[in-house]
Amino acid sequence: LRRGVDEGVDLTTGDPRAPHTLINYAD
């Protein structure tokens, strides 16, 4: 992954402190 998650910018759902992060680049 080229950059980490920014809660203020990215479209997220779930606990920001969760031990795992799944990032989906979607068309």
mmCIF file of all heavy atoms, coordinates in Angstrom:
data_MODEL
# 
_entry.id   MODEL 
# 
loop_
_atom_site.group_PDB 
_atom_site.id 
_atom_site.type_symbol 
_atom_site.label_atom_id 
_atom_site.label_alt_id 
_atom_site.label_comp_id 
_atom_site.label_asym_id 
_atom_site.label_entity_id 
_atom_site.label_seq_id 
_atom_site.pdbx_PDB_ins_code 
_atom_site.Cartn_x 
_atom_site.Cartn_y 
_atom_site.Cartn_z 
_atom_site.occupancy 
_atom_site.B_iso_or_equiv 
_atom_site.pdbx_formal_charge 
_atom_site.auth_seq_id 
_atom_site.auth_comp_id 
_atom_site.auth_asym_id 
_atom_site.auth_atom_id 
_atom_site.pdbx_PDB_model_num 
ATOM 1   N N   . LEU A 1 1  ? 0.838   -1.189 0.000   1.00 0.00 ? 1  LEU A N   1 
ATOM 2   C CA  . LEU A 1 1  ? 0.000   0.000  0.000   1.00 0.00 ? 1  LEU A CA  1 
ATOM 3   C C   . LEU A 1 1  ? 0.882   1.251  0.000   1.00 0.00 ? 1  LEU A C   1 
ATOM 4   O O   . LEU A 1 1  ? 1.861   1.333  0.747   1.00 0.00 ? 1  LEU A O   1 
ATOM 5   C CB  . LEU A 1 1  ? -0.892  -0.019 1.237   1.00 0.00 ? 1  LEU A CB  1 
ATOM 6   C CG  . LEU A 1 1  ? -1.960  1.062  1.337   1.00 0.00 ? 1  LEU A CG  1 
ATOM 7   C CD1 . LEU A 1 1  ? -3.025  0.851  0.263   1.00 0.00 ? 1  LEU A CD1 1 
ATOM 8   C CD2 . LEU A 1 1  ? -2.590  1.036  2.734   1.00 0.00 ? 1  LEU A CD2 1 
ATOM 9   N N   . ARG A 1 2  ? 0.543   2.206  -0.846  1.00 0.00 ? 2  ARG A N   1 
ATOM 10  C CA  . ARG A 1 2  ? 1.408   3.369  -1.026  1.00 0.00 ? 2  ARG A CA  1 
ATOM 11  C C   . ARG A 1 2  ? 1.240   4.410  0.073   1.00 0.00 ? 2  ARG A C   1 
ATOM 12  O O   . ARG A 1 2  ? 2.156   5.180  0.362   1.00 0.00 ? 2  ARG A O   1 
ATOM 13  C CB  . ARG A 1 2  ? 1.157   4.003  -2.391  1.00 0.00 ? 2  ARG A CB  1 
ATOM 14  C CG  . ARG A 1 2  ? 1.601   3.102  -3.542  1.00 0.00 ? 2  ARG A CG  1 
ATOM 15  C CD  . ARG A 1 2  ? 1.322   3.702  -4.901  1.00 0.00 ? 2  ARG A CD  1 
ATOM 16  N NE  . ARG A 1 2  ? 2.019   4.978  -5.103  1.00 0.00 ? 2  ARG A NE  1 
ATOM 17  C CZ  . ARG A 1 2  ? 2.022   5.646  -6.257  1.00 0.00 ? 2  ARG A CZ  1 
ATOM 18  N NH1 . ARG A 1 2  ? 1.360   5.146  -7.299  1.00 0.00 ? 2  ARG A NH1 1 
ATOM 19  N NH2 . ARG A 1 2  ? 2.653   6.782  -6.381  1.00 0.00 ? 2  ARG A NH2 1 
ATOM 20  N N   . ARG A 1 3  ? 0.071   4.496  0.692   1.00 0.00 ? 3  ARG A N   1 
ATOM 21  C CA  . ARG A 1 3  ? -0.121  5.465  1.780   1.00 0.00 ? 3  ARG A CA  1 
ATOM 22  C C   . ARG A 1 3  ? -1.141  4.923  2.774   1.00 0.00 ? 3  ARG A C   1 
ATOM 23  O O   . ARG A 1 3  ? -1.997  4.114  2.443   1.00 0.00 ? 3  ARG A O   1 
ATOM 24  C CB  . ARG A 1 3  ? -0.580  6.814  1.235   1.00 0.00 ? 3  ARG A CB  1 
ATOM 25  C CG  . ARG A 1 3  ? -1.898  6.797  0.508   1.00 0.00 ? 3  ARG A CG  1 
ATOM 26  C CD  . ARG A 1 3  ? -2.259  8.170  -0.051  1.00 0.00 ? 3  ARG A CD  1 
ATOM 27  N NE  . ARG A 1 3  ? -3.404  8.098  -0.927  1.00 0.00 ? 3  ARG A NE  1 
ATOM 28  C CZ  . ARG A 1 3  ? -4.668  8.248  -0.528  1.00 0.00 ? 3  ARG A CZ  1 
ATOM 29  N NH1 . ARG A 1 3  ? -4.922  8.494  0.749   1.00 0.00 ? 3  ARG A NH1 1 
ATOM 30  N NH2 . ARG A 1 3  ? -5.667  8.172  -1.405  1.00 0.00 ? 3  ARG A NH2 1 
ATOM 31  N N   . GLY A 1 4  ? -1.010  5.386  4.003   1.00 0.00 ? 4  GLY A N   1 
ATOM 32  C CA  . GLY A 1 4  ? -1.899  4.933  5.054   1.00 0.00 ? 4  GLY A CA  1 
ATOM 33  C C   . GLY A 1 4  ? -3.269  5.574  4.975   1.00 0.00 ? 4  GLY A C   1 
ATOM 34  O O   . GLY A 1 4  ? -3.552  6.409  4.107   1.00 0.00 ? 4  GLY A O   1 
ATOM 35  N N   . VAL A 1 5  ? -4.131  5.201  5.906   1.00 0.00 ? 5  VAL A N   1 
ATOM 36  C CA  . VAL A 1 5  ? -5.518  5.656  5.918   1.00 0.00 ? 5  VAL A CA  1 
ATOM 37  C C   . VAL A 1 5  ? -5.614  6.983  6.673   1.00 0.00 ? 5  VAL A C   1 
ATOM 38  O O   . VAL A 1 5  ? -5.024  7.156  7.738   1.00 0.00 ? 5  VAL A O   1 
ATOM 39  C CB  . VAL A 1 5  ? -6.434  4.610  6.584   1.00 0.00 ? 5  VAL A CB  1 
ATOM 40  C CG1 . VAL A 1 5  ? -7.871  5.106  6.642   1.00 0.00 ? 5  VAL A CG1 1 
ATOM 41  C CG2 . VAL A 1 5  ? -6.359  3.290  5.823   1.00 0.00 ? 5  VAL A CG2 1 
ATOM 42  N N   . ASP A 1 6  ? -6.352  7.913  6.102   1.00 0.00 ? 6  ASP A N   1 
ATOM 43  C CA  . ASP A 1 6  ? -6.640  9.197  6.733   1.00 0.00 ? 6  ASP A CA  1 
ATOM 44  C C   . ASP A 1 6  ? -8.145  9.253  6.985   1.00 0.00 ? 6  ASP A C   1 
ATOM 45  O O   . ASP A 1 6  ? -8.935  9.369  6.047   1.00 0.00 ? 6  ASP A O   1 
ATOM 46  C CB  . ASP A 1 6  ? -6.188  10.347 5.831   1.00 0.00 ? 6  ASP A CB  1 
ATOM 47  C CG  . ASP A 1 6  ? -6.349  11.713 6.488   1.00 0.00 ? 6  ASP A CG  1 
ATOM 48  O OD1 . ASP A 1 6  ? -7.143  11.819 7.443   1.00 0.00 ? 6  ASP A OD1 1 
ATOM 49  O OD2 . ASP A 1 6  ? -5.692  12.667 6.026   1.00 0.00 ? 6  ASP A OD2 1 
ATOM 50  N N   . GLU A 1 7  ? -8.541  9.146  8.252   1.00 0.00 ? 7  GLU A N   1 
ATOM 51  C CA  . GLU A 1 7  ? -9.964  9.113  8.583   1.00 0.00 ? 7  GLU A CA  1 
ATOM 52  C C   . GLU A 1 7  ? -10.697 10.362 8.104   1.00 0.00 ? 7  GLU A C   1 
ATOM 53  O O   . GLU A 1 7  ? -11.893 10.324 7.834   1.00 0.00 ? 7  GLU A O   1 
ATOM 54  C CB  . GLU A 1 7  ? -10.132 8.973  10.101  1.00 0.00 ? 7  GLU A CB  1 
ATOM 55  C CG  . GLU A 1 7  ? -9.875  7.573  10.619  1.00 0.00 ? 7  GLU A CG  1 
ATOM 56  C CD  . GLU A 1 7  ? -11.012 6.613  10.283  1.00 0.00 ? 7  GLU A CD  1 
ATOM 57  O OE1 . GLU A 1 7  ? -12.162 7.071  10.155  1.00 0.00 ? 7  GLU A OE1 1 
ATOM 58  O OE2 . GLU A 1 7  ? -10.743 5.411  10.144  1.00 0.00 ? 7  GLU A OE2 1 
ATOM 59  N N   . GLY A 1 8  ? -9.999  11.481 8.007   1.00 0.00 ? 8  GLY A N   1 
ATOM 60  C CA  . GLY A 1 8  ? -10.651 12.707 7.586   1.00 0.00 ? 8  GLY A CA  1 
ATOM 61  C C   . GLY A 1 8  ? -10.839 12.812 6.088   1.00 0.00 ? 8  GLY A C   1 
ATOM 62  O O   . GLY A 1 8  ? -11.568 13.690 5.616   1.00 0.00 ? 8  GLY A O   1 
ATOM 63  N N   . VAL A 1 9  ? -10.167 11.929 5.334   1.00 0.00 ? 9  VAL A N   1 
ATOM 64  C CA  . VAL A 1 9  ? -10.210 12.017 3.873   1.00 0.00 ? 9  VAL A CA  1 
ATOM 65  C C   . VAL A 1 9  ? -10.830 10.778 3.243   1.00 0.00 ? 9  VAL A C   1 
ATOM 66  O O   . VAL A 1 9  ? -11.662 10.868 2.330   1.00 0.00 ? 9  VAL A O   1 
ATOM 67  C CB  . VAL A 1 9  ? -8.785  12.238 3.308   1.00 0.00 ? 9  VAL A CB  1 
ATOM 68  C CG1 . VAL A 1 9  ? -8.796  12.201 1.788   1.00 0.00 ? 9  VAL A CG1 1 
ATOM 69  C CG2 . VAL A 1 9  ? -8.213  13.558 3.815   1.00 0.00 ? 9  VAL A CG2 1 
ATOM 70  N N   . ASP A 1 10 ? -10.445 9.609  3.715   1.00 0.00 ? 10 ASP A N   1 
ATOM 71  C CA  . ASP A 1 10 ? -10.900 8.354  3.101   1.00 0.00 ? 10 ASP A CA  1 
ATOM 72  C C   . ASP A 1 10 ? -12.342 8.032  3.477   1.00 0.00 ? 10 ASP A C   1 
ATOM 73  O O   . ASP A 1 10 ? -12.852 8.479  4.522   1.00 0.00 ? 10 ASP A O   1 
ATOM 74  C CB  . ASP A 1 10 ? -9.997  7.203  3.534   1.00 0.00 ? 10 ASP A CB  1 
ATOM 75  C CG  . ASP A 1 10 ? -8.654  7.216  2.832   1.00 0.00 ? 10 ASP A CG  1 
ATOM 76  O OD1 . ASP A 1 10 ? -8.648  7.314  1.595   1.00 0.00 ? 10 ASP A OD1 1 
ATOM 77  O OD2 . ASP A 1 10 ? -7.612  7.145  3.511   1.00 0.00 ? 10 ASP A OD2 1 
ATOM 78  N N   . LEU A 1 11 ? -12.977 7.224  2.638   1.00 0.00 ? 11 LEU A N   1 
ATOM 79  C CA  . LEU A 1 11 ? -14.316 6.709  2.917   1.00 0.00 ? 11 LEU A CA  1 
ATOM 80  C C   . LEU A 1 11 ? -14.151 5.454  3.772   1.00 0.00 ? 11 LEU A C   1 
ATOM 81  O O   . LEU A 1 11 ? -13.679 4.423  3.283   1.00 0.00 ? 11 LEU A O   1 
ATOM 82  C CB  . LEU A 1 11 ? -15.053 6.366  1.613   1.00 0.00 ? 11 LEU A CB  1 
ATOM 83  C CG  . LEU A 1 11 ? -15.093 7.468  0.543   1.00 0.00 ? 11 LEU A CG  1 
ATOM 84  C CD1 . LEU A 1 11 ? -15.869 6.982  -0.678  1.00 0.00 ? 11 LEU A CD1 1 
ATOM 85  C CD2 . LEU A 1 11 ? -15.688 8.749  1.089   1.00 0.00 ? 11 LEU A CD2 1 
ATOM 86  N N   . THR A 1 12 ? -14.501 5.528  5.047   1.00 0.00 ? 12 THR A N   1 
ATOM 87  C CA  . THR A 1 12 ? -14.226 4.431  5.965   1.00 0.00 ? 12 THR A CA  1 
ATOM 88  C C   . THR A 1 12 ? -15.487 4.023  6.702   1.00 0.00 ? 12 THR A C   1 
ATOM 89  O O   . THR A 1 12 ? -16.443 4.800  6.848   1.00 0.00 ? 12 THR A O   1 
ATOM 90  C CB  . THR A 1 12 ? -13.157 4.826  7.004   1.00 0.00 ? 12 THR A CB  1 
ATOM 91  O OG1 . THR A 1 12 ? -13.683 5.852  7.856   1.00 0.00 ? 12 THR A OG1 1 
ATOM 92  C CG2 . THR A 1 12 ? -11.897 5.343  6.330   1.00 0.00 ? 12 THR A CG2 1 
ATOM 93  N N   . THR A 1 13 ? -15.468 2.809  7.199   1.00 0.00 ? 13 THR A N   1 
ATOM 94  C CA  . THR A 1 13 ? -16.496 2.318  8.112   1.00 0.00 ? 13 THR A CA  1 
ATOM 95  C C   . THR A 1 13 ? -15.843 1.317  9.047   1.00 0.00 ? 13 THR A C   1 
ATOM 96  O O   . THR A 1 13 ? -15.014 0.508  8.626   1.00 0.00 ? 13 THR A O   1 
ATOM 97  C CB  . THR A 1 13 ? -17.675 1.672  7.350   1.00 0.00 ? 13 THR A CB  1 
ATOM 98  O OG1 . THR A 1 13 ? -18.626 1.175  8.290   1.00 0.00 ? 13 THR A OG1 1 
ATOM 99  C CG2 . THR A 1 13 ? -17.231 0.519  6.470   1.00 0.00 ? 13 THR A CG2 1 
ATOM 100 N N   . GLY A 1 14 ? -16.196 1.365  10.321  1.00 0.00 ? 14 GLY A N   1 
ATOM 101 C CA  . GLY A 1 14 ? -15.588 0.502  11.312  1.00 0.00 ? 14 GLY A CA  1 
ATOM 102 C C   . GLY A 1 14 ? -14.729 1.297  12.280  1.00 0.00 ? 14 GLY A C   1 
ATOM 103 O O   . GLY A 1 14 ? -14.470 2.481  12.104  1.00 0.00 ? 14 GLY A O   1 
ATOM 104 N N   . ASP A 1 15 ? -14.251 0.602  13.296  1.00 0.00 ? 15 ASP A N   1 
ATOM 105 C CA  . ASP A 1 15 ? -13.454 1.218  14.365  1.00 0.00 ? 15 ASP A CA  1 
ATOM 106 C C   . ASP A 1 15 ? -12.070 1.598  13.847  1.00 0.00 ? 15 ASP A C   1 
ATOM 107 O O   . ASP A 1 15 ? -11.336 0.734  13.356  1.00 0.00 ? 15 ASP A O   1 
ATOM 108 C CB  . ASP A 1 15 ? -13.318 0.227  15.521  1.00 0.00 ? 15 ASP A CB  1 
ATOM 109 C CG  . ASP A 1 15 ? -12.684 0.850  16.759  1.00 0.00 ? 15 ASP A CG  1 
ATOM 110 O OD1 . ASP A 1 15 ? -12.099 1.945  16.648  1.00 0.00 ? 15 ASP A OD1 1 
ATOM 111 O OD2 . ASP A 1 15 ? -12.775 0.227  17.839  1.00 0.00 ? 15 ASP A OD2 1 
ATOM 112 N N   . PRO A 1 16 ? -11.666 2.868  13.927  1.00 0.00 ? 16 PRO A N   1 
ATOM 113 C CA  . PRO A 1 16 ? -10.331 3.265  13.470  1.00 0.00 ? 16 PRO A CA  1 
ATOM 114 C C   . PRO A 1 16 ? -9.201  2.548  14.207  1.00 0.00 ? 16 PRO A C   1 
ATOM 115 O O   . PRO A 1 16 ? -8.082  2.462  13.696  1.00 0.00 ? 16 PRO A O   1 
ATOM 116 C CB  . PRO A 1 16 ? -10.287 4.776  13.751  1.00 0.00 ? 16 PRO A CB  1 
ATOM 117 C CG  . PRO A 1 16 ? -11.715 5.191  13.859  1.00 0.00 ? 16 PRO A CG  1 
ATOM 118 C CD  . PRO A 1 16 ? -12.454 4.012  14.401  1.00 0.00 ? 16 PRO A CD  1 
ATOM 119 N N   . ARG A 1 17 ? -9.514  2.019  15.393  1.00 0.00 ? 17 ARG A N   1 
ATOM 120 C CA  . ARG A 1 17 ? -8.486  1.320  16.183  1.00 0.00 ? 17 ARG A CA  1 
ATOM 121 C C   . ARG A 1 17 ? -8.499  -0.188 15.932  1.00 0.00 ? 17 ARG A C   1 
ATOM 122 O O   . ARG A 1 17 ? -7.799  -0.936 16.625  1.00 0.00 ? 17 ARG A O   1 
ATOM 123 C CB  . ARG A 1 17 ? -8.714  1.594  17.667  1.00 0.00 ? 17 ARG A CB  1 
ATOM 124 C CG  . ARG A 1 17 ? -8.582  3.061  18.053  1.00 0.00 ? 17 ARG A CG  1 
ATOM 125 C CD  . ARG A 1 17 ? -9.164  3.314  19.419  1.00 0.00 ? 17 ARG A CD  1 
ATOM 126 N NE  . ARG A 1 17 ? -10.610 3.035  19.426  1.00 0.00 ? 17 ARG A NE  1 
ATOM 127 C CZ  . ARG A 1 17 ? -11.386 3.105  20.511  1.00 0.00 ? 17 ARG A CZ  1 
ATOM 128 N NH1 . ARG A 1 17 ? -10.868 3.459  21.667  1.00 0.00 ? 17 ARG A NH1 1 
ATOM 129 N NH2 . ARG A 1 17 ? -12.684 2.834  20.436  1.00 0.00 ? 17 ARG A NH2 1 
ATOM 130 N N   . ALA A 1 18 ? -9.269  -0.642 14.979  1.00 0.00 ? 18 ALA A N   1 
ATOM 131 C CA  . ALA A 1 18 ? -9.349  -2.082 14.689  1.00 0.00 ? 18 ALA A CA  1 
ATOM 132 C C   . ALA A 1 18 ? -7.973  -2.632 14.326  1.00 0.00 ? 18 ALA A C   1 
ATOM 133 O O   . ALA A 1 18 ? -7.156  -1.940 13.708  1.00 0.00 ? 18 ALA A O   1 
ATOM 134 C CB  . ALA A 1 18 ? -10.327 -2.330 13.542  1.00 0.00 ? 18 ALA A CB  1 
ATOM 135 N N   . PRO A 1 19 ? -7.669  -3.889 14.705  1.00 0.00 ? 19 PRO A N   1 
ATOM 136 C CA  . PRO A 1 19 ? -6.342  -4.460 14.428  1.00 0.00 ? 19 PRO A CA  1 
ATOM 137 C C   . PRO A 1 19 ? -6.069  -4.714 12.952  1.00 0.00 ? 19 PRO A C   1 
ATOM 138 O O   . PRO A 1 19 ? -4.926  -4.878 12.550  1.00 0.00 ? 19 PRO A O   1 
ATOM 139 C CB  . PRO A 1 19 ? -6.354  -5.768 15.221  1.00 0.00 ? 19 PRO A CB  1 
ATOM 140 C CG  . PRO A 1 19 ? -7.805  -6.112 15.384  1.00 0.00 ? 19 PRO A CG  1 
ATOM 141 C CD  . PRO A 1 19 ? -8.514  -4.795 15.487  1.00 0.00 ? 19 PRO A CD  1 
ATOM 142 N N   . HIS A 1 20 ? -7.118  -4.764 12.142  1.00 0.00 ? 20 HIS A N   1 
ATOM 143 C CA  . HIS A 1 20 ? -6.935  -5.032 10.720  1.00 0.00 ? 20 HIS A CA  1 
ATOM 144 C C   . HIS A 1 20 ? -7.626  -3.954 9.890   1.00 0.00 ? 20 HIS A C   1 
ATOM 145 O O   . HIS A 1 20 ? -8.646  -3.392 10.302  1.00 0.00 ? 20 HIS A O   1 
ATOM 146 C CB  . HIS A 1 20 ? -7.505  -6.398 10.327  1.00 0.00 ? 20 HIS A CB  1 
ATOM 147 C CG  . HIS A 1 20 ? -6.901  -7.542 11.079  1.00 0.00 ? 20 HIS A CG  1 
ATOM 148 N ND1 . HIS A 1 20 ? -5.605  -7.943 10.909  1.00 0.00 ? 20 HIS A ND1 1 
ATOM 149 C CD2 . HIS A 1 20 ? -7.433  -8.361 12.034  1.00 0.00 ? 20 HIS A CD2 1 
ATOM 150 C CE1 . HIS A 1 20 ? -5.355  -8.967 11.702  1.00 0.00 ? 20 HIS A CE1 1 
ATOM 151 N NE2 . HIS A 1 20 ? -6.446  -9.240 12.398  1.00 0.00 ? 20 HIS A NE2 1 
ATOM 152 N N   . THR A 1 21 ? -7.059  -3.696 8.707   1.00 0.00 ? 21 THR A N   1 
ATOM 153 C CA  . THR A 1 21 ? -7.654  -2.729 7.776   1.00 0.00 ? 21 THR A CA  1 
ATOM 154 C C   . THR A 1 21 ? -7.719  -3.353 6.390   1.00 0.00 ? 21 THR A C   1 
ATOM 155 O O   . THR A 1 21 ? -6.716  -3.867 5.883   1.00 0.00 ? 21 THR A O   1 
ATOM 156 C CB  . THR A 1 21 ? -6.820  -1.438 7.712   1.00 0.00 ? 21 THR A CB  1 
ATOM 157 O OG1 . THR A 1 21 ? -6.815  -0.814 9.002   1.00 0.00 ? 21 THR A OG1 1 
ATOM 158 C CG2 . THR A 1 21 ? -7.410  -0.461 6.697   1.00 0.00 ? 21 THR A CG2 1 
ATOM 159 N N   . LEU A 1 22 ? -8.896  -3.339 5.792   1.00 0.00 ? 22 LEU A N   1 
ATOM 160 C CA  . LEU A 1 22 ? -9.091  -3.820 4.423   1.00 0.00 ? 22 LEU A CA  1 
ATOM 161 C C   . LEU A 1 22 ? -9.400  -2.607 3.552   1.00 0.00 ? 22 LEU A C   1 
ATOM 162 O O   . LEU A 1 22 ? -10.391 -1.902 3.802   1.00 0.00 ? 22 LEU A O   1 
ATOM 163 C CB  . LEU A 1 22 ? -10.214 -4.847 4.362   1.00 0.00 ? 22 LEU A CB  1 
ATOM 164 C CG  . LEU A 1 22 ? -10.447 -5.550 3.017   1.00 0.00 ? 22 LEU A CG  1 
ATOM 165 C CD1 . LEU A 1 22 ? -11.070 -6.926 3.228   1.00 0.00 ? 22 LEU A CD1 1 
ATOM 166 C CD2 . LEU A 1 22 ? -11.337 -4.738 2.066   1.00 0.00 ? 22 LEU A CD2 1 
ATOM 167 N N   . ILE A 1 23 ? -8.547  -2.351 2.571   1.00 0.00 ? 23 ILE A N   1 
ATOM 168 C CA  . ILE A 1 23 ? -8.722  -1.225 1.669   1.00 0.00 ? 23 ILE A CA  1 
ATOM 169 C C   . ILE A 1 23 ? -9.069  -1.749 0.280   1.00 0.00 ? 23 ILE A C   1 
ATOM 170 O O   . ILE A 1 23 ? -8.360  -2.584 -0.270  1.00 0.00 ? 23 ILE A O   1 
ATOM 171 C CB  . ILE A 1 23 ? -7.450  -0.362 1.609   1.00 0.00 ? 23 ILE A CB  1 
ATOM 172 C CG1 . ILE A 1 23 ? -7.142  0.210  2.995   1.00 0.00 ? 23 ILE A CG1 1 
ATOM 173 C CG2 . ILE A 1 23 ? -7.610  0.770  0.593   1.00 0.00 ? 23 ILE A CG2 1 
ATOM 174 C CD1 . ILE A 1 23 ? -5.886  1.045  3.043   1.00 0.00 ? 23 ILE A CD1 1 
ATOM 175 N N   . ASN A 1 24 ? -10.166 -1.239 -0.246  1.00 0.00 ? 24 ASN A N   1 
ATOM 176 C CA  . ASN A 1 24 ? -10.641 -1.679 -1.560  1.00 0.00 ? 24 ASN A CA  1 
ATOM 177 C C   . ASN A 1 24 ? -10.645 -0.494 -2.515  1.00 0.00 ? 24 ASN A C   1 
ATOM 178 O O   . ASN A 1 24 ? -11.343 0.484  -2.288  1.00 0.00 ? 24 ASN A O   1 
ATOM 179 C CB  . ASN A 1 24 ? -12.041 -2.276 -1.411  1.00 0.00 ? 24 ASN A CB  1 
ATOM 180 C CG  . ASN A 1 24 ? -12.730 -2.524 -2.737  1.00 0.00 ? 24 ASN A CG  1 
ATOM 181 O OD1 . ASN A 1 24 ? -13.941 -2.430 -2.824  1.00 0.00 ? 24 ASN A OD1 1 
ATOM 182 N ND2 . ASN A 1 24 ? -11.983 -2.855 -3.780  1.00 0.00 ? 24 ASN A ND2 1 
ATOM 183 N N   . TYR A 1 25 ? -9.837  -0.601 -3.580  1.00 0.00 ? 25 TYR A N   1 
ATOM 184 C CA  . TYR A 1 25 ? -9.888  0.370  -4.672  1.00 0.00 ? 25 TYR A CA  1 
ATOM 185 C C   . TYR A 1 25 ? -10.941 -0.133 -5.648  1.00 0.00 ? 25 TYR A C   1 
ATOM 186 O O   . TYR A 1 25 ? -10.773 -1.194 -6.265  1.00 0.00 ? 25 TYR A O   1 
ATOM 187 C CB  . TYR A 1 25 ? -8.530  0.482  -5.363  1.00 0.00 ? 25 TYR A CB  1 
ATOM 188 C CG  . TYR A 1 25 ? -7.483  1.226  -4.552  1.00 0.00 ? 25 TYR A CG  1 
ATOM 189 C CD1 . TYR A 1 25 ? -6.769  0.592  -3.546  1.00 0.00 ? 25 TYR A CD1 1 
ATOM 190 C CD2 . TYR A 1 25 ? -7.217  2.568  -4.805  1.00 0.00 ? 25 TYR A CD2 1 
ATOM 191 C CE1 . TYR A 1 25 ? -5.811  1.266  -2.803  1.00 0.00 ? 25 TYR A CE1 1 
ATOM 192 C CE2 . TYR A 1 25 ? -6.255  3.258  -4.070  1.00 0.00 ? 25 TYR A CE2 1 
ATOM 193 C CZ  . TYR A 1 25 ? -5.552  2.600  -3.070  1.00 0.00 ? 25 TYR A CZ  1 
ATOM 194 O OH  . TYR A 1 25 ? -4.608  3.274  -2.345  1.00 0.00 ? 25 TYR A OH  1 
ATOM 195 N N   . ALA A 1 26 ? -12.044 0.636  -5.777  1.00 0.00 ? 26 ALA A N   1 
ATOM 196 C CA  . ALA A 1 26 ? -13.212 0.132  -6.502  1.00 0.00 ? 26 ALA A CA  1 
ATOM 197 C C   . ALA A 1 26 ? -13.565 1.004  -7.687  1.00 0.00 ? 26 ALA A C   1 
ATOM 198 O O   . ALA A 1 26 ? -13.537 2.225  -7.605  1.00 0.00 ? 26 ALA A O   1 
ATOM 199 C CB  . ALA A 1 26 ? -14.401 0.051  -5.553  1.00 0.00 ? 26 ALA A CB  1 
ATOM 200 N N   . ASP A 1 27 ? -13.913 0.342  -8.781  1.00 0.00 ? 27 ASP A N   1 
ATOM 201 C CA  . ASP A 1 27 ? -14.488 0.992  -9.955  1.00 0.00 ? 27 ASP A CA  1 
ATOM 202 C C   . ASP A 1 27 ? -15.995 0.731  -9.896  1.00 0.00 ? 27 ASP A C   1 
ATOM 203 O O   . ASP A 1 27 ? -16.452 -0.384 -10.141 1.00 0.00 ? 27 ASP A O   1 
ATOM 204 C CB  . ASP A 1 27 ? -13.869 0.392  -11.225 1.00 0.00 ? 27 ASP A CB  1 
ATOM 205 C CG  . ASP A 1 27 ? -14.453 0.974  -12.508 1.00 0.00 ? 27 ASP A CG  1 
ATOM 206 O OD1 . ASP A 1 27 ? -15.438 1.729  -12.422 1.00 0.00 ? 27 ASP A OD1 1 
ATOM 207 O OD2 . ASP A 1 27 ? -13.924 0.667  -13.583 1.00 0.00 ? 27 ASP A OD2 1 
# 
